[in-house]
Amino acid sequence: MQKEFKLLIADRNPHIRMFLKRELQAEGYNVQLAKNGREVLSLIYSPMPIDLLIIDLDLPGVNELNLLKCLEDRIPVLPFVIHSYPSDDLESSSKLRTAMFVPKKGSSSETLKDVIRDLLIKSYPKRFESSINP
């Protein structure tokens, strides 16, 4: 169904990466993983485009605000979800035009799925519609 959408999950914790990968693949998404900022940048600028990024800003080897700015300057703009623990730094990044914030807690994976779906519909309305109704 949604296999045409390629998601990138970036989190320093391998257990969270694998859990989210299983959950999102079960929803029908094509999922790639990154464990640090270098891998994120490499994958978002690769010839195989990423449609949406799910990122915890606590990644090794990256200045989070510089990374967010880099993501917003990407052409075409890459929608992304910040999936992290709440912090004051995130409050200042809430002005980002393409980012949504989903706090890590309890059953945040269900909220995350809803946010991902909404962002994909907003960012790729025709592709999303055709992936549901072939």
C-alpha atoms as a PDB file:
ATOM      1  CA  MET A   1       0.000   0.000   0.000  1.00  0.00           C
ATOM      2  CA  GLN A   2       2.434   2.716   1.146  1.00  0.00           C
ATOM      3  CA  LYS A   3       5.610   0.920  -0.002  1.00  0.00           C
ATOM      4  CA  GLU A   4       6.349   3.753  -2.375  1.00  0.00           C
ATOM      5  CA  PHE A   5       7.063   5.985   0.636  1.00  0.00           C
ATOM      6  CA  LYS A   6      10.609   5.745   1.929  1.00  0.00           C
ATOM      7  CA  LEU A   7      11.132   6.714   5.567  1.00  0.00           C
ATOM      8  CA  LEU A   8      14.416   7.248   7.372  1.00  0.00           C
ATOM      9  CA  ILE A   9      14.578   6.595  11.109  1.00  0.00           C
ATOM     10  CA  ALA A  10      17.529   8.244  12.870  1.00  0.00           C
ATOM     11  CA  ASP A  11      18.062   7.390  16.526  1.00  0.00           C
ATOM     12  CA  ARG A  12      21.186   6.596  18.536  1.00  0.00           C
ATOM     13  CA  ASN A  13      19.388   3.750  20.356  1.00  0.00           C
ATOM     14  CA  PRO A  14      19.390   0.545  18.249  1.00  0.00           C
ATOM     15  CA  HIS A  15      16.374  -0.844  20.140  1.00  0.00           C
ATOM     16  CA  ILE A  16      14.261   2.196  19.292  1.00  0.00           C
ATOM     17  CA  ARG A  17      15.439   2.125  15.658  1.00  0.00           C
ATOM     18  CA  MET A  18      14.463  -1.535  15.279  1.00  0.00           C
ATOM     19  CA  PHE A  19      11.150  -1.132  17.124  1.00  0.00           C
ATOM     20  CA  LEU A  20      10.105   1.795  14.934  1.00  0.00           C
ATOM     21  CA  LYS A  21      11.281  -0.031  11.827  1.00  0.00           C
ATOM     22  CA  ARG A  22       9.079  -3.034  12.653  1.00  0.00           C
ATOM     23  CA  GLU A  23       6.094  -0.820  13.479  1.00  0.00           C
ATOM     24  CA  LEU A  24       6.376   1.267  10.315  1.00  0.00           C
ATOM     25  CA  GLN A  25       7.098  -1.658   8.012  1.00  0.00           C
ATOM     26  CA  ALA A  26       3.943  -3.269   9.391  1.00  0.00           C
ATOM     27  CA  GLU A  27       2.125  -0.135   8.180  1.00  0.00           C
ATOM     28  CA  GLY A  28       3.558  -0.756   4.707  1.00  0.00           C
ATOM     29  CA  TYR A  29       6.385   1.791   4.584  1.00  0.00           C
ATOM     30  CA  ASN A  30       9.843   1.219   3.143  1.00  0.00           C
ATOM     31  CA  VAL A  31      12.196   2.002   6.053  1.00  0.00           C
ATOM     32  CA  GLN A  32      15.908   2.817   6.279  1.00  0.00           C
ATOM     33  CA  LEU A  33      17.912   3.394   9.454  1.00  0.00           C
ATOM     34  CA  ALA A  34      20.645   5.814  10.554  1.00  0.00           C
ATOM     35  CA  LYS A  35      22.534   5.817  13.838  1.00  0.00           C
ATOM     36  CA  ASN A  36      24.382   9.143  13.575  1.00  0.00           C
ATOM     37  CA  GLY A  37      24.318  12.529  11.900  1.00  0.00           C
ATOM     38  CA  ARG A  38      26.758  11.535   9.167  1.00  0.00           C
ATOM     39  CA  GLU A  39      24.504   8.674   8.063  1.00  0.00           C
ATOM     40  CA  VAL A  40      21.466  10.969   8.099  1.00  0.00           C
ATOM     41  CA  LEU A  41      23.140  13.515   5.818  1.00  0.00           C
ATOM     42  CA  SER A  42      24.483  10.809   3.524  1.00  0.00           C
ATOM     43  CA  LEU A  43      21.060   9.219   3.103  1.00  0.00           C
ATOM     44  CA  ILE A  44      19.000  12.399   2.695  1.00  0.00           C
ATOM     45  CA  TYR A  45      21.312  13.627  -0.050  1.00  0.00           C
ATOM     46  CA  SER A  46      21.639  10.243  -1.787  1.00  0.00           C
ATOM     47  CA  PRO A  47      20.267   9.631  -5.302  1.00  0.00           C
ATOM     48  CA  MET A  48      17.496   7.458  -3.777  1.00  0.00           C
ATOM     49  CA  PRO A  49      15.257  10.120  -2.216  1.00  0.00           C
ATOM     50  CA  ILE A  50      13.843   9.885   1.299  1.00  0.00           C
ATOM     51  CA  ASP A  51      10.218  11.003   1.623  1.00  0.00           C
ATOM     52  CA  LEU A  52      10.166  11.610   5.378  1.00  0.00           C
ATOM     53  CA  LEU A  53      12.651  11.582   8.255  1.00  0.00           C
ATOM     54  CA  ILE A  54      11.939  10.528  11.843  1.00  0.00           C
ATOM     55  CA  ILE A  55      14.794  11.840  13.970  1.00  0.00           C
ATOM     56  CA  ASP A  56      15.859  11.964  17.591  1.00  0.00           C
ATOM     57  CA  LEU A  57      18.093  15.015  17.882  1.00  0.00           C
ATOM     58  CA  ASP A  58      20.353  13.282  20.403  1.00  0.00           C
ATOM     59  CA  LEU A  59      22.492  11.778  17.631  1.00  0.00           C
ATOM     60  CA  PRO A  60      26.260  11.392  17.895  1.00  0.00           C
ATOM     61  CA  GLY A  61      28.421  13.516  15.626  1.00  0.00           C
ATOM     62  CA  VAL A  62      25.974  16.314  14.908  1.00  0.00           C
ATOM     63  CA  ASN A  63      24.996  19.776  16.065  1.00  0.00           C
ATOM     64  CA  GLU A  64      21.233  19.394  16.205  1.00  0.00           C
ATOM     65  CA  LEU A  65      20.297  22.946  15.229  1.00  0.00           C
ATOM     66  CA  ASN A  66      22.721  22.929  12.287  1.00  0.00           C
ATOM     67  CA  LEU A  67      21.294  19.602  11.157  1.00  0.00           C
ATOM     68  CA  LEU A  68      17.734  20.924  11.356  1.00  0.00           C
ATOM     69  CA  LYS A  69      18.676  24.003   9.346  1.00  0.00           C
ATOM     70  CA  CYS A  70      20.369  21.772   6.769  1.00  0.00           C
ATOM     71  CA  LEU A  71      17.208  19.667   6.515  1.00  0.00           C
ATOM     72  CA  GLU A  72      15.057  22.735   5.961  1.00  0.00           C
ATOM     73  CA  ASP A  73      17.395  24.033   3.259  1.00  0.00           C
ATOM     74  CA  ARG A  74      17.194  20.779   1.291  1.00  0.00           C
ATOM     75  CA  ILE A  75      15.561  21.068  -2.107  1.00  0.00           C
ATOM     76  CA  PRO A  76      12.964  19.681  -2.284  1.00  0.00           C
ATOM     77  CA  VAL A  77      12.173  20.333   1.341  1.00  0.00           C
ATOM     78  CA  LEU A  78      12.157  17.138   3.368  1.00  0.00           C
ATOM     79  CA  PRO A  79       9.321  16.780   5.881  1.00  0.00           C
ATOM     80  CA  PHE A  80      10.482  15.385   9.195  1.00  0.00           C
ATOM     81  CA  VAL A  81       9.301  14.399  12.632  1.00  0.00           C
ATOM     82  CA  ILE A  82      11.381  15.078  15.712  1.00  0.00           C
ATOM     83  CA  HIS A  83      10.829  12.050  17.948  1.00  0.00           C
ATOM     84  CA  SER A  84      12.651  12.950  21.117  1.00  0.00           C
ATOM     85  CA  TYR A  85      12.359  13.710  24.799  1.00  0.00           C
ATOM     86  CA  PRO A  86      11.114  17.267  25.420  1.00  0.00           C
ATOM     87  CA  SER A  87      13.786  19.920  26.068  1.00  0.00           C
ATOM     88  CA  ASP A  88      14.237  23.682  25.977  1.00  0.00           C
ATOM     89  CA  ASP A  89      16.262  23.376  22.754  1.00  0.00           C
ATOM     90  CA  LEU A  90      13.272  21.778  21.073  1.00  0.00           C
ATOM     91  CA  GLU A  91      11.093  24.692  22.085  1.00  0.00           C
ATOM     92  CA  SER A  92      13.333  26.983  20.010  1.00  0.00           C
ATOM     93  CA  SER A  93      13.238  24.555  17.080  1.00  0.00           C
ATOM     94  CA  SER A  94       9.424  24.448  17.128  1.00  0.00           C
ATOM     95  CA  LYS A  95       9.435  27.341  14.665  1.00  0.00           C
ATOM     96  CA  LEU A  96      10.753  25.012  11.964  1.00  0.00           C
ATOM     97  CA  ARG A  97       8.359  25.053   9.049  1.00  0.00           C
ATOM     98  CA  THR A  98       8.615  21.390   7.999  1.00  0.00           C
ATOM     99  CA  ALA A  99       8.993  19.658  11.365  1.00  0.00           C
ATOM    100  CA  MET A 100       6.492  18.094  13.698  1.00  0.00           C
ATOM    101  CA  PHE A 101       7.365  17.088  17.261  1.00  0.00           C
ATOM    102  CA  VAL A 102       6.277  13.807  18.868  1.00  0.00           C
ATOM    103  CA  PRO A 103       7.605  13.342  22.402  1.00  0.00           C
ATOM    104  CA  LYS A 104       9.024   9.952  23.336  1.00  0.00           C
ATOM    105  CA  LYS A 105       6.795   8.419  25.954  1.00  0.00           C
ATOM    106  CA  GLY A 106       4.693   5.314  26.572  1.00  0.00           C
ATOM    107  CA  SER A 107       2.754   4.602  23.396  1.00  0.00           C
ATOM    108  CA  SER A 108       4.203   7.374  21.264  1.00  0.00           C
ATOM    109  CA  SER A 109       4.471   4.981  18.306  1.00  0.00           C
ATOM    110  CA  GLU A 110       0.716   5.278  17.646  1.00  0.00           C
ATOM    111  CA  THR A 111       0.914   9.084  17.720  1.00  0.00           C
ATOM    112  CA  LEU A 112       4.008   8.899  15.519  1.00  0.00           C
ATOM    113  CA  LYS A 113       2.157   6.803  12.923  1.00  0.00           C
ATOM    114  CA  ASP A 114      -0.672   9.353  12.796  1.00  0.00           C
ATOM    115  CA  VAL A 115       1.745  12.268  12.431  1.00  0.00           C
ATOM    116  CA  ILE A 116       3.685  10.469   9.677  1.00  0.00           C
ATOM    117  CA  ARG A 117       0.500   9.757   7.753  1.00  0.00           C
ATOM    118  CA  ASP A 118      -0.664  13.383   8.102  1.00  0.00           C
ATOM    119  CA  LEU A 119       2.709  14.744   6.966  1.00  0.00           C
ATOM    120  CA  LEU A 120       2.790  12.426   3.956  1.00  0.00           C
ATOM    121  CA  ILE A 121      -0.736  13.444   2.960  1.00  0.00           C
ATOM    122  CA  LYS A 122       0.198  17.116   3.304  1.00  0.00           C
ATOM    123  CA  SER A 123       3.563  16.789   1.534  1.00  0.00           C
ATOM    124  CA  TYR A 124       2.618  14.302  -1.210  1.00  0.00           C
ATOM    125  CA  PRO A 125      -1.181  14.399  -1.628  1.00  0.00           C
ATOM    126  CA  LYS A 126      -1.282  12.844  -5.111  1.00  0.00           C
ATOM    127  CA  ARG A 127       1.250  10.106  -4.299  1.00  0.00           C
ATOM    128  CA  PHE A 128      -0.490   9.247  -1.053  1.00  0.00           C
ATOM    129  CA  GLU A 129      -3.871   9.027  -2.773  1.00  0.00           C
ATOM    130  CA  SER A 130      -2.511   6.800  -5.545  1.00  0.00           C
ATOM    131  CA  SER A 131      -0.798   4.513  -3.014  1.00  0.00           C
ATOM    132  CA  ILE A 132      -4.147   3.881  -1.326  1.00  0.00           C
ATOM    133  CA  ASN A 133      -6.300   3.688  -4.467  1.00  0.00           C
ATOM    134  CA  PRO A 134      -4.180   2.153  -7.256  1.00  0.00           C
END
